[in-house]
Amino acid sequence: MAVRLQKYLAMAGAASRRAAEKMIMEGRVKVNGQTVTKMGVTVDPAVDLVELDNRPVKLSAKKEYILLYKPVGYLTTLKDPYGRPTVKDLIKDVESRVFPVGRLDLDTSGLLLLTNDGELANRLTHPAYGVEKEYLVRVHDLPGSEVLQKLEKGIMLDDGCTAPAKVRLIKGGRPTSVLTLTIREGRNRQVRRMLEAVQHPVVSLKRIRFGPLTLTGMKSGHWRRLTAAEVKALKRLVGLNT
């Protein structure tokens, strides 16, 4: 049965569907030896050979769901042309090919989900589903109530106004304060840009929750597989049959 190329890549665990579309446009995908750069191509998994970066991409029957406590200093990617540390270095014992769901910056630590379930990854990162991501943030100086209200209502950034957020001041003081910030979007460096916009730049940033998942009981640099109940909760959150 023929399926669209980007869907096949997601089904095979190569990337989420949106990330797969980007890979295709970048010329990284071949079908039967021919580079594909446009959307609309379909493939038959039983007949066609699909390659990503010159490596065959095959459907994987086993789905993997990995929760990683990412330390600062690791790139959220599977390979780096400059040889810098990546999150793949932290999950070497995972035999299946998995990819990050969303990303954390090099200088951000915390909860990162990796999987080869392309459909789930696509929904978890799609703005339409509004999955909550909670961060523990240390900022410069002491944000007043007016600043906290601005963050809650939405901040105008160069790519548009942010959606309403949840903010809680944990420890106020000088020279730094600690707060939690919960957002439902996933723009590039969004939390850092929001706080820069209100003149309280980030000192340190850690994601402590992704939907129903938390870092409870985990140490930095360690990973574990999700339980069946956690996978079920994630799928239910984004309307997938479990």
Foldseek 3Di string as FASTA:
>chain_A
DKDWPLVLCLQLLVAASVVSLVQLLVQQKDKQRHTHNDGDDIDDLVDIFMDGNNHTGHGDPDKFKKKAFADAQAFQFCDDPVPGHHLCVLPVVDPGDWHWLATDHNQATEIIMIMSNRHLSNLLQDLVLLWKWKKKFKWAAFDDPVLQVDQQPWDQDPVGTFHGKDKDWDAHDPRITIIMIMGRHRDDVVVQRSCVRVVIGTPYMYTADTRPDGQPPHDHSHMDTDDPVVVVSSCVSRVHDD
